PDB file of N, CA and C in Angstrom:
ATOM      1  N   UNK A   1      93.885-234.061  86.188  1.00  0.00           N
ATOM      2  CA  UNK A   1      94.317-232.683  86.251  1.00  0.00           C
ATOM      3  C   UNK A   1      93.107-231.774  86.094  1.00  0.00           C
ATOM      4  N   UNK A   2      93.171-230.674  86.799  1.00  0.00           N
ATOM      5  CA  UNK A   2      92.054-229.741  86.712  1.00  0.00           C
ATOM      6  C   UNK A   2      92.335-228.665  85.659  1.00  0.00           C
ATOM      7  N   UNK A   3      91.388-227.782  85.491  1.00  0.00           N
ATOM      8  CA  UNK A   3      91.459-226.774  84.438  1.00  0.00           C
ATOM      9  C   UNK A   3      92.622-225.798  84.647  1.00  0.00           C
ATOM     10  N   UNK A   4      92.878-225.410  85.885  1.00  0.00           N
ATOM     11  CA  UNK A   4      93.970-224.465  86.161  1.00  0.00           C
ATOM     12  C   UNK A   4      95.309-225.066  85.753  1.00  0.00           C
ATOM     13  N   UNK A   5      95.497-226.323  86.041  1.00  0.00           N
ATOM     14  CA  UNK A   5      96.727-227.008  85.682  1.00  0.00           C
ATOM     15  C   UNK A   5      96.916-227.047  84.165  1.00  0.00           C
ATOM     16  N   UNK A   6      95.852-227.360  83.435  1.00  0.00           N
ATOM     17  CA  UNK A   6      95.942-227.396  81.972  1.00  0.00           C
ATOM     18  C   UNK A   6      96.221-226.012  81.401  1.00  0.00           C
ATOM     19  N   UNK A   7      95.588-224.998  81.945  1.00  0.00           N
ATOM     20  CA  UNK A   7      95.794-223.629  81.452  1.00  0.00           C
ATOM     21  C   UNK A   7      97.237-223.194  81.692  1.00  0.00           C
ATOM     22  N   UNK A   8      97.778-223.486  82.868  1.00  0.00           N
ATOM     23  CA  UNK A   8      99.173-223.142  83.144  1.00  0.00           C
ATOM     24  C   UNK A   8     100.125-223.914  82.243  1.00  0.00           C
ATOM     25  N   UNK A   9      99.848-225.183  82.041  1.00  0.00           N
ATOM     26  CA  UNK A   9     100.694-225.983  81.146  1.00  0.00           C
ATOM     27  C   UNK A   9     100.664-225.437  79.721  1.00  0.00           C
ATOM     28  N   UNK A  10      99.538-224.879  79.308  1.00  0.00           N
ATOM     29  CA  UNK A  10      99.426-224.299  77.975  1.00  0.00           C
ATOM     30  C   UNK A  10     100.093-222.922  77.911  1.00  0.00           C
ATOM     31  N   UNK A  11      99.914-222.111  78.939  1.00  0.00           N
ATOM     32  CA  UNK A  11     100.419-220.736  78.916  1.00  0.00           C
ATOM     33  C   UNK A  11     101.940-220.651  78.971  1.00  0.00           C
ATOM     34  N   UNK A  12     102.580-221.571  79.674  1.00  0.00           N
ATOM     35  CA  UNK A  12     104.038-221.505  79.799  1.00  0.00           C
ATOM     36  C   UNK A  12     104.715-221.604  78.431  1.00  0.00           C
ATOM     37  N   UNK A  13     104.443-222.638  77.614  1.00  0.00           N
ATOM     38  CA  UNK A  13     105.081-222.655  76.289  1.00  0.00           C
ATOM     39  C   UNK A  13     104.634-221.498  75.394  1.00  0.00           C
ATOM     40  N   UNK A  14     103.377-221.106  75.506  1.00  0.00           N
ATOM     41  CA  UNK A  14     102.869-220.012  74.677  1.00  0.00           C
ATOM     42  C   UNK A  14     103.636-218.723  74.963  1.00  0.00           C
ATOM     43  N   UNK A  15     103.780-218.375  76.222  1.00  0.00           N
ATOM     44  CA  UNK A  15     104.464-217.130  76.592  1.00  0.00           C
ATOM     45  C   UNK A  15     105.948-217.196  76.234  1.00  0.00           C
ATOM     46  N   UNK A  16     106.578-218.340  76.473  1.00  0.00           N
ATOM     47  CA  UNK A  16     108.002-218.477  76.144  1.00  0.00           C
ATOM     48  C   UNK A  16     108.211-218.330  74.639  1.00  0.00           C
ATOM     49  N   UNK A  17     107.424-219.025  73.837  1.00  0.00           N
ATOM     50  CA  UNK A  17     107.580-218.938  72.381  1.00  0.00           C
ATOM     51  C   UNK A  17     107.233-217.546  71.861  1.00  0.00           C
ATOM     52  N   UNK A  18     106.229-216.922  72.444  1.00  0.00           N
ATOM     53  CA  UNK A  18     105.845-215.570  72.046  1.00  0.00           C
ATOM     54  C   UNK A  18     106.973-214.587  72.345  1.00  0.00           C
ATOM     55  N   UNK A  19     107.586-214.714  73.505  1.00  0.00           N
ATOM     56  CA  UNK A  19     108.671-213.817  73.901  1.00  0.00           C
ATOM     57  C   UNK A  19     109.926-214.062  73.076  1.00  0.00           C
ATOM     58  N   UNK A  20     110.274-215.314  72.865  1.00  0.00           N
ATOM     59  CA  UNK A  20     111.471-215.637  72.090  1.00  0.00           C
ATOM     60  C   UNK A  20     111.318-215.190  70.638  1.00  0.00           C
ATOM     61  N   UNK A  21     110.086-215.109  70.157  1.00  0.00           N
ATOM     62  CA  UNK A  21     109.844-214.678  68.783  1.00  0.00           C
ATOM     63  C   UNK A  21     110.398-213.301  68.467  1.00  0.00           C
ATOM     64  N   UNK A  22     110.560-212.477  69.466  1.00  0.00           N
ATOM     65  CA  UNK A  22     111.117-211.143  69.252  1.00  0.00           C
ATOM     66  C   UNK A  22     112.636-211.152  69.141  1.00  0.00           C
ATOM     67  N   UNK A  23     113.290-212.187  69.644  1.00  0.00           N
ATOM     68  CA  UNK A  23     114.744-212.182  69.747  1.00  0.00           C
ATOM     69  C   UNK A  23     115.448-213.192  68.854  1.00  0.00           C
ATOM     70  N   UNK A  24     114.787-214.276  68.504  1.00  0.00           N
ATOM     71  CA  UNK A  24     115.446-215.363  67.786  1.00  0.00           C
ATOM     72  C   UNK A  24     114.881-215.471  66.372  1.00  0.00           C
ATOM     73  N   UNK A  25     115.759-215.476  65.359  1.00  0.00           N
ATOM     74  CA  UNK A  25     115.274-215.646  63.992  1.00  0.00           C
ATOM     75  C   UNK A  25     114.601-217.013  63.828  1.00  0.00           C
ATOM     76  N   UNK A  26     113.582-217.060  63.017  1.00  0.00           N
ATOM     77  CA  UNK A  26     112.848-218.297  62.797  1.00  0.00           C
ATOM     78  C   UNK A  26     111.583-218.347  63.621  1.00  0.00           C
ATOM     79  N   UNK A  27     111.661-217.887  64.855  1.00  0.00           N
ATOM     80  CA  UNK A  27     110.476-217.839  65.704  1.00  0.00           C
ATOM     81  C   UNK A  27     109.568-216.674  65.330  1.00  0.00           C
ATOM     82  N   UNK A  28     110.116-215.691  64.618  1.00  0.00           N
ATOM     83  CA  UNK A  28     109.307-214.518  64.278  1.00  0.00           C
ATOM     84  C   UNK A  28     108.186-214.862  63.298  1.00  0.00           C
ATOM     85  N   UNK A  29     108.286-215.990  62.600  1.00  0.00           N
ATOM     86  CA  UNK A  29     107.231-216.402  61.668  1.00  0.00           C
ATOM     87  C   UNK A  29     106.043-217.021  62.390  1.00  0.00           C
ATOM     88  N   UNK A  30     106.185-217.268  63.677  1.00  0.00           N
ATOM     89  CA  UNK A  30     105.107-217.900  64.439  1.00  0.00           C
ATOM     90  C   UNK A  30     104.041-216.867  64.776  1.00  0.00           C
ATOM     91  N   UNK A  31     102.889-217.018  64.176  1.00  0.00           N
ATOM     92  CA  UNK A  31     101.762-216.147  64.480  1.00  0.00           C
ATOM     93  C   UNK A  31     100.974-216.749  65.648  1.00  0.00           C
ATOM     94  N   UNK A  32      99.996-216.022  66.123  1.00  0.00           N
ATOM     95  CA  UNK A  32      99.214-216.485  67.276  1.00  0.00           C
ATOM     96  C   UNK A  32      98.604-217.870  67.038  1.00  0.00           C
ATOM     97  N   UNK A  33      97.977-218.137  65.883  1.00  0.00           N
ATOM     98  CA  UNK A  33      97.437-219.495  65.688  1.00  0.00           C
ATOM     99  C   UNK A  33      98.513-220.583  65.718  1.00  0.00           C
ATOM    100  N   UNK A  34      99.694-220.296  65.159  1.00  0.00           N
ATOM    101  CA  UNK A  34     100.773-221.281  65.206  1.00  0.00           C
ATOM    102  C   UNK A  34     101.292-221.458  66.627  1.00  0.00           C
ATOM    103  N   UNK A  35     101.357-220.379  67.383  1.00  0.00           N
ATOM    104  CA  UNK A  35     101.776-220.493  68.781  1.00  0.00           C
ATOM    105  C   UNK A  35     100.788-221.332  69.581  1.00  0.00           C
ATOM    106  N   UNK A  36      99.504-221.140  69.329  1.00  0.00           N
ATOM    107  CA  UNK A  36      98.479-221.941  70.008  1.00  0.00           C
ATOM    108  C   UNK A  36      98.635-223.408  69.630  1.00  0.00           C
ATOM    109  N   UNK A  37      98.858-223.676  68.339  1.00  0.00           N
ATOM    110  CA  UNK A  37      99.027-225.059  67.886  1.00  0.00           C
ATOM    111  C   UNK A  37     100.274-225.696  68.494  1.00  0.00           C
ATOM    112  N   UNK A  38     101.403-224.981  68.467  1.00  0.00           N
ATOM    113  CA  UNK A  38     102.636-225.522  69.040  1.00  0.00           C
ATOM    114  C   UNK A  38     102.499-225.781  70.536  1.00  0.00           C
ATOM    115  N   UNK A  39     101.914-224.840  71.246  1.00  0.00           N
ATOM    116  CA  UNK A  39     101.730-225.009  72.688  1.00  0.00           C
ATOM    117  C   UNK A  39     100.818-226.191  72.986  1.00  0.00           C
ATOM    118  N   UNK A  40      99.760-226.333  72.223  1.00  0.00           N
ATOM    119  CA  UNK A  40      98.827-227.445  72.441  1.00  0.00           C
ATOM    120  C   UNK A  40      99.490-228.786  72.163  1.00  0.00           C
ATOM    121  N   UNK A  41     100.229-228.877  71.066  1.00  0.00           N
ATOM    122  CA  UNK A  41     100.906-230.128  70.728  1.00  0.00           C
ATOM    123  C   UNK A  41     101.964-230.459  71.770  1.00  0.00           C
ATOM    124  N   UNK A  42     102.708-229.456  72.231  1.00  0.00           N
ATOM    125  CA  UNK A  42     103.733-229.695  73.243  1.00  0.00           C
ATOM    126  C   UNK A  42     103.119-230.185  74.550  1.00  0.00           C
ATOM    127  N   UNK A  43     102.025-229.574  74.966  1.00  0.00           N
ATOM    128  CA  UNK A  43     101.369-229.971  76.217  1.00  0.00           C
ATOM    129  C   UNK A  43     100.795-231.378  76.100  1.00  0.00           C
ATOM    130  N   UNK A  44     100.111-231.662  75.004  1.00  0.00           N
ATOM    131  CA  UNK A  44      99.520-232.990  74.828  1.00  0.00           C
ATOM    132  C   UNK A  44     100.587-234.072  74.684  1.00  0.00           C
ATOM    133  N   UNK A  45     101.650-233.773  73.942  1.00  0.00           N
ATOM    134  CA  UNK A  45     102.739-234.740  73.806  1.00  0.00           C
ATOM    135  C   UNK A  45     103.411-235.028  75.133  1.00  0.00           C
ATOM    136  N   UNK A  46     103.664-233.993  75.895  1.00  0.00           N
ATOM    137  CA  UNK A  46     104.277-234.164  77.217  1.00  0.00           C
ATOM    138  C   UNK A  46     103.368-234.964  78.140  1.00  0.00           C
ATOM    139  N   UNK A  47     102.087-234.654  78.120  1.00  0.00           N
ATOM    140  CA  UNK A  47     101.133-235.362  78.973  1.00  0.00           C
ATOM    141  C   UNK A  47     101.040-236.836  78.585  1.00  0.00           C
ATOM    142  N   UNK A  48     100.970-237.122  77.281  1.00  0.00           N
ATOM    143  CA  UNK A  48     100.864-238.508  76.828  1.00  0.00           C
ATOM    144  C   UNK A  48     102.092-239.332  77.203  1.00  0.00           C
ATOM    145  N   UNK A  49     103.270-238.762  77.022  1.00  0.00           N
ATOM    146  CA  UNK A  49     104.486-239.507  77.342  1.00  0.00           C
ATOM    147  C   UNK A  49     104.623-239.685  78.846  1.00  0.00           C
ATOM    148  N   UNK A  50     104.320-238.653  79.631  1.00  0.00           N
ATOM    149  CA  UNK A  50     104.357-238.803  81.088  1.00  0.00           C
ATOM    150  C   UNK A  50     103.334-239.824  81.562  1.00  0.00           C
ATOM    151  N   UNK A  51     102.182-239.855  80.925  1.00  0.00           N
ATOM    152  CA  UNK A  51     101.136-240.824  81.274  1.00  0.00           C
ATOM    153  C   UNK A  51     101.597-242.249  80.953  1.00  0.00           C
ATOM    154  N   UNK A  52     102.267-242.419  79.818  1.00  0.00           N
ATOM    155  CA  UNK A  52     102.757-243.738  79.425  1.00  0.00           C
ATOM    156  C   UNK A  52     103.894-244.210  80.331  1.00  0.00           C
ATOM    157  N   UNK A  53     104.701-243.277  80.834  1.00  0.00           N
ATOM    158  CA  UNK A  53     105.827-243.638  81.702  1.00  0.00           C
ATOM    159  C   UNK A  53     105.363-244.054  83.086  1.00  0.00           C
ATOM    160  N   UNK A  54     104.220-243.589  83.508  1.00  0.00           N
ATOM    161  CA  UNK A  54     103.710-243.952  84.826  1.00  0.00           C
ATOM    162  C   UNK A  54     104.024-242.906  85.873  1.00  0.00           C
ATOM    163  N   UNK A  55     103.639-243.215  87.098  1.00  0.00           N
ATOM    164  CA  UNK A  55     103.812-242.263  88.201  1.00  0.00           C
ATOM    165  C   UNK A  55     105.147-242.415  88.922  1.00  0.00           C
ATOM    166  N   UNK A  56     105.915-243.418  88.603  1.00  0.00           N
ATOM    167  CA  UNK A  56     107.165-243.671  89.314  1.00  0.00           C
ATOM    168  C   UNK A  56     108.361-242.967  88.684  1.00  0.00           C
ATOM    169  N   UNK A  57     108.121-241.901  87.964  1.00  0.00           N
ATOM    170  CA  UNK A  57     109.191-241.137  87.338  1.00  0.00           C
ATOM    171  C   UNK A  57     109.553-239.982  88.267  1.00  0.00           C
ATOM    172  N   UNK A  58     110.857-239.768  88.462  1.00  0.00           N
ATOM    173  CA  UNK A  58     111.301-238.692  89.347  1.00  0.00           C
ATOM    174  C   UNK A  58     111.040-237.331  88.704  1.00  0.00           C
ATOM    175  N   UNK A  59     111.225-236.290  89.490  1.00  0.00           N
ATOM    176  CA  UNK A  59     111.028-234.927  88.981  1.00  0.00           C
ATOM    177  C   UNK A  59     112.042-234.613  87.877  1.00  0.00           C
ATOM    178  N   UNK A  60     113.275-235.110  88.034  1.00  0.00           N
ATOM    179  CA  UNK A  60     114.296-234.915  87.009  1.00  0.00           C
ATOM    180  C   UNK A  60     113.922-235.649  85.725  1.00  0.00           C
ATOM    181  N   UNK A  61     113.357-236.841  85.874  1.00  0.00           N
ATOM    182  CA  UNK A  61     112.914-237.602  84.708  1.00  0.00           C
ATOM    183  C   UNK A  61     111.805-236.898  83.961  1.00  0.00           C
ATOM    184  N   UNK A  62     110.851-236.351  84.708  1.00  0.00           N
ATOM    185  CA  UNK A  62     109.764-235.602  84.069  1.00  0.00           C
ATOM    186  C   UNK A  62     110.298-234.346  83.386  1.00  0.00           C
ATOM    187  N   UNK A  63     111.277-233.710  84.009  1.00  0.00           N
ATOM    188  CA  UNK A  63     111.887-232.532  83.393  1.00  0.00           C
ATOM    189  C   UNK A  63     112.601-232.881  82.097  1.00  0.00           C
ATOM    190  N   UNK A  64     113.303-234.010  82.089  1.00  0.00           N
ATOM    191  CA  UNK A  64     113.993-234.453  80.879  1.00  0.00           C
ATOM    192  C   UNK A  64     112.994-234.796  79.777  1.00  0.00           C
ATOM    193  N   UNK A  65     111.909-235.459  80.156  1.00  0.00           N
ATOM    194  CA  UNK A  65     110.865-235.785  79.180  1.00  0.00           C
ATOM    195  C   UNK A  65     110.261-234.507  78.602  1.00  0.00           C
ATOM    196  N   UNK A  66     109.962-233.545  79.461  1.00  0.00           N
ATOM    197  CA  UNK A  66     109.408-232.270  79.004  1.00  0.00           C
ATOM    198  C   UNK A  66     110.372-231.574  78.050  1.00  0.00           C
ATOM    199  N   UNK A  67     111.646-231.568  78.392  1.00  0.00           N
ATOM    200  CA  UNK A  67     112.662-230.936  77.558  1.00  0.00           C
ATOM    201  C   UNK A  67     112.733-231.589  76.179  1.00  0.00           C
ATOM    202  N   UNK A  68     112.801-232.910  76.148  1.00  0.00           N
ATOM    203  CA  UNK A  68     112.915-233.621  74.873  1.00  0.00           C
ATOM    204  C   UNK A  68     111.668-233.458  74.006  1.00  0.00           C
ATOM    205  N   UNK A  69     110.498-233.578  74.623  1.00  0.00           N
ATOM    206  CA  UNK A  69     109.251-233.436  73.860  1.00  0.00           C
ATOM    207  C   UNK A  69     109.141-232.032  73.281  1.00  0.00           C
ATOM    208  N   UNK A  70     109.429-231.020  74.078  1.00  0.00           N
ATOM    209  CA  UNK A  70     109.329-229.642  73.585  1.00  0.00           C
ATOM    210  C   UNK A  70     110.345-229.358  72.483  1.00  0.00           C
ATOM    211  N   UNK A  71     111.554-229.894  72.622  1.00  0.00           N
ATOM    212  CA  UNK A  71     112.558-229.696  71.582  1.00  0.00           C
ATOM    213  C   UNK A  71     112.107-230.308  70.264  1.00  0.00           C
ATOM    214  N   UNK A  72     111.637-231.546  70.319  1.00  0.00           N
ATOM    215  CA  UNK A  72     111.193-232.235  69.101  1.00  0.00           C
ATOM    216  C   UNK A  72     110.001-231.515  68.475  1.00  0.00           C
ATOM    217  N   UNK A  73     109.033-231.135  69.292  1.00  0.00           N
ATOM    218  CA  UNK A  73     107.841-230.459  68.764  1.00  0.00           C
ATOM    219  C   UNK A  73     108.218-229.134  68.116  1.00  0.00           C
ATOM    220  N   UNK A  74     108.994-228.326  68.793  1.00  0.00           N
ATOM    221  CA  UNK A  74     109.353-227.005  68.258  1.00  0.00           C
ATOM    222  C   UNK A  74     110.181-227.148  66.987  1.00  0.00           C
ATOM    223  N   UNK A  75     111.165-228.039  67.004  1.00  0.00           N
ATOM    224  CA  UNK A  75     112.071-228.162  65.863  1.00  0.00           C
ATOM    225  C   UNK A  75     111.367-228.701  64.622  1.00  0.00           C
ATOM    226  N   UNK A  76     110.578-229.757  64.774  1.00  0.00           N
ATOM    227  CA  UNK A  76     109.994-230.402  63.599  1.00  0.00           C
ATOM    228  C   UNK A  76     108.693-229.760  63.124  1.00  0.00           C
ATOM    229  N   UNK A  77     107.879-229.254  64.014  1.00  0.00           N
ATOM    230  CA  UNK A  77     106.617-228.637  63.597  1.00  0.00           C
ATOM    231  C   UNK A  77     106.867-227.338  62.840  1.00  0.00           C
ATOM    232  N   UNK A  78     107.912-226.610  63.201  1.00  0.00           N
ATOM    233  CA  UNK A  78     108.166-225.336  62.522  1.00  0.00           C
ATOM    234  C   UNK A  78     108.620-225.521  61.079  1.00  0.00           C
ATOM    235  N   UNK A  79     109.004-226.728  60.683  1.00  0.00           N
ATOM    236  CA  UNK A  79     109.313-226.957  59.270  1.00  0.00           C
ATOM    237  C   UNK A  79     108.066-226.827  58.401  1.00  0.00           C
ATOM    238  N   UNK A  80     106.903-227.052  58.966  1.00  0.00           N
ATOM    239  CA  UNK A  80     105.660-226.937  58.211  1.00  0.00           C
ATOM    240  C   UNK A  80     105.151-225.518  58.075  1.00  0.00           C
ATOM    241  N   UNK A  81     105.783-224.594  58.760  1.00  0.00           N
ATOM    242  CA  UNK A  81     105.362-223.195  58.725  1.00  0.00           C
ATOM    243  C   UNK A  81     106.208-222.462  57.695  1.00  0.00           C
ATOM    244  N   UNK A  82     105.561-221.726  56.820  1.00  0.00           N
ATOM    245  CA  UNK A  82     106.293-220.985  55.803  1.00  0.00           C
ATOM    246  C   UNK A  82     107.145-219.906  56.464  1.00  0.00           C
ATOM    247  N   UNK A  83     108.449-219.956  56.231  1.00  0.00           N
ATOM    248  CA  UNK A  83     109.370-218.988  56.808  1.00  0.00           C
ATOM    249  C   UNK A  83     109.639-219.226  58.280  1.00  0.00           C
ATOM    250  N   UNK A  84     109.316-220.398  58.778  1.00  0.00           N
ATOM    251  CA  UNK A  84     109.436-220.647  60.202  1.00  0.00           C
ATOM    252  C   UNK A  84     110.470-221.671  60.587  1.00  0.00           C
ATOM    253  N   UNK A  85     111.535-221.829  59.794  1.00  0.00           N
ATOM    254  CA  UNK A  85     112.574-222.788  60.163  1.00  0.00           C
ATOM    255  C   UNK A  85     113.322-222.279  61.390  1.00  0.00           C
ATOM    256  N   UNK A  86     113.264-223.047  62.465  1.00  0.00           N
ATOM    257  CA  UNK A  86     113.925-222.675  63.711  1.00  0.00           C
ATOM    258  C   UNK A  86     115.187-223.517  63.848  1.00  0.00           C
ATOM    259  N   UNK A  87     116.350-222.892  64.075  1.00  0.00           N
ATOM    260  CA  UNK A  87     117.572-223.670  64.266  1.00  0.00           C
ATOM    261  C   UNK A  87     117.475-224.571  65.499  1.00  0.00           C
ATOM    262  N   UNK A  88     118.279-225.636  65.502  1.00  0.00           N
ATOM    263  CA  UNK A  88     118.242-226.592  66.605  1.00  0.00           C
ATOM    264  C   UNK A  88     118.615-225.924  67.926  1.00  0.00           C
ATOM    265  N   UNK A  89     119.609-225.050  67.907  1.00  0.00           N
ATOM    266  CA  UNK A  89     120.000-224.367  69.147  1.00  0.00           C
ATOM    267  C   UNK A  89     118.868-223.512  69.706  1.00  0.00           C
ATOM    268  N   UNK A  90     118.140-222.860  68.830  1.00  0.00           N
ATOM    269  CA  UNK A  90     117.008-222.045  69.278  1.00  0.00           C
ATOM    270  C   UNK A  90     115.907-222.927  69.848  1.00  0.00           C
ATOM    271  N   UNK A  91     115.693-224.093  69.236  1.00  0.00           N
ATOM    272  CA  UNK A  91     114.704-225.038  69.771  1.00  0.00           C
ATOM    273  C   UNK A  91     115.123-225.536  71.144  1.00  0.00           C
ATOM    274  N   UNK A  92     116.405-225.815  71.303  1.00  0.00           N
ATOM    275  CA  UNK A  92     116.912-226.262  72.603  1.00  0.00           C
ATOM    276  C   UNK A  92     116.764-225.172  73.657  1.00  0.00           C
ATOM    277  N   UNK A  93     117.038-223.927  73.279  1.00  0.00           N
ATOM    278  CA  UNK A  93     116.897-222.812  74.215  1.00  0.00           C
ATOM    279  C   UNK A  93     115.450-222.637  74.651  1.00  0.00           C
ATOM    280  N   UNK A  94     114.536-222.656  73.694  1.00  0.00           N
ATOM    281  CA  UNK A  94     113.117-222.503  74.025  1.00  0.00           C
ATOM    282  C   UNK A  94     112.639-223.659  74.891  1.00  0.00           C
ATOM    283  N   UNK A  95     113.045-224.880  74.553  1.00  0.00           N
ATOM    284  CA  UNK A  95     112.635-226.048  75.336  1.00  0.00           C
ATOM    285  C   UNK A  95     113.209-225.987  76.749  1.00  0.00           C
ATOM    286  N   UNK A  96     114.435-225.486  76.884  1.00  0.00           N
ATOM    287  CA  UNK A  96     115.034-225.356  78.213  1.00  0.00           C
ATOM    288  C   UNK A  96     114.255-224.361  79.063  1.00  0.00           C
ATOM    289  N   UNK A  97     113.891-223.228  78.489  1.00  0.00           N
ATOM    290  CA  UNK A  97     113.107-222.235  79.234  1.00  0.00           C
ATOM    291  C   UNK A  97     111.735-222.776  79.618  1.00  0.00           C
ATOM    292  N   UNK A  98     111.091-223.478  78.697  1.00  0.00           N
ATOM    293  CA  UNK A  98     109.783-224.066  78.991  1.00  0.00           C
ATOM    294  C   UNK A  98     109.904-225.088  80.112  1.00  0.00           C
ATOM    295  N   UNK A  99     110.947-225.915  80.063  1.00  0.00           N
ATOM    296  CA  UNK A  99     111.139-226.946  81.086  1.00  0.00           C
ATOM    297  C   UNK A  99     111.411-226.337  82.450  1.00  0.00           C
ATOM    298  N   UNK A 100     112.264-225.331  82.498  1.00  0.00           N
ATOM    299  CA  UNK A 100     112.579-224.692  83.784  1.00  0.00           C
ATOM    300  C   UNK A 100     111.329-224.055  84.381  1.00  0.00           C
ATOM    301  N   UNK A 101     110.586-223.322  83.576  1.00  0.00           N
ATOM    302  CA  UNK A 101     109.371-222.683  84.088  1.00  0.00           C
ATOM    303  C   UNK A 101     108.311-223.711  84.474  1.00  0.00           C
ATOM    304  N   UNK A 102     108.201-224.788  83.712  1.00  0.00           N
ATOM    305  CA  UNK A 102     107.231-225.835  84.048  1.00  0.00           C
ATOM    306  C   UNK A 102     107.600-226.529  85.349  1.00  0.00           C
ATOM    307  N   UNK A 103     108.889-226.698  85.597  1.00  0.00           N
ATOM    308  CA  UNK A 103     109.308-227.354  86.835  1.00  0.00           C
ATOM    309  C   UNK A 103     109.201-226.434  88.044  1.00  0.00           C
ATOM    310  N   UNK A 104     109.213-225.127  87.821  1.00  0.00           N
ATOM    311  CA  UNK A 104     109.024-224.203  88.936  1.00  0.00           C
ATOM    312  C   UNK A 104     107.591-224.227  89.446  1.00  0.00           C
ATOM    313  N   UNK A 105     106.656-224.496  88.539  1.00  0.00           N
ATOM    314  CA  UNK A 105     105.246-224.595  88.919  1.00  0.00           C
ATOM    315  C   UNK A 105     104.984-226.040  89.320  1.00  0.00           C
ATOM    316  N   UNK A 106     104.546-226.226  90.527  1.00  0.00           N
ATOM    317  CA  UNK A 106     104.259-227.577  91.005  1.00  0.00           C
ATOM    318  C   UNK A 106     102.816-227.923  90.659  1.00  0.00           C
ATOM    319  N   UNK A 107     102.644-228.708  89.600  1.00  0.00           N
ATOM    320  CA  UNK A 107     101.303-229.062  89.156  1.00  0.00           C
ATOM    321  C   UNK A 107     100.639-230.035  90.117  1.00  0.00           C
ATOM    322  N   UNK A 108     101.412-230.722  90.922  1.00  0.00           N
ATOM    323  CA  UNK A 108     100.838-231.649  91.892  1.00  0.00           C
ATOM    324  C   UNK A 108     100.029-230.937  92.961  1.00  0.00           C
ATOM    325  N   UNK A 109     100.381-229.700  93.291  1.00  0.00           N
ATOM    326  CA  UNK A 109      99.651-228.944  94.302  1.00  0.00           C
ATOM    327  C   UNK A 109      98.351-228.370  93.756  1.00  0.00           C
ATOM    328  N   UNK A 110      98.202-228.357  92.435  1.00  0.00           N
ATOM    329  CA  UNK A 110      97.006-227.782  91.832  1.00  0.00           C
ATOM    330  C   UNK A 110      95.878-228.795  91.700  1.00  0.00           C
ATOM    331  N   UNK A 111      96.126-230.040  92.058  1.00  0.00           N
ATOM    332  CA  UNK A 111      95.099-231.072  91.928  1.00  0.00           C
ATOM    333  C   UNK A 111      94.012-230.872  92.967  1.00  0.00           C
ATOM    334  N   UNK A 112      92.798-231.113  92.557  1.00  0.00           N
ATOM    335  CA  UNK A 112      91.681-231.044  93.494  1.00  0.00           C
ATOM    336  C   UNK A 112      91.352-232.446  93.961  1.00  0.00           C
ATOM    337  N   UNK A 113      90.945-232.566  95.201  1.00  0.00           N
ATOM    338  CA  UNK A 113      90.623-233.896  95.723  1.00  0.00           C
ATOM    339  C   UNK A 113      89.148-234.055  95.923  1.00  0.00           C
TER     340      UNK A 113
END
């Protein structure tokens, strides 16, 4: 993957979590450093699991993996943040938005040959 692909993969969760922070209780405790950490962990976790699954995973499978990884990362990492307990439904909503936006961007077209 090239740099543009990594930056987009990082920005999508960052922007979604930043925006949801204004509307959903629990996300408001996420400061910029925590948003950077959550976005980085979500991107790396998604990349590692997709890498372990191989290239024969369908687009729906990758979307499901992205959804599950983002839900787990958002829900469990926010327990370590003071005042940042995010309800499961809010984690599912944020993960769904991240997954939909990530699937709209075709990272395969961003590869350089």
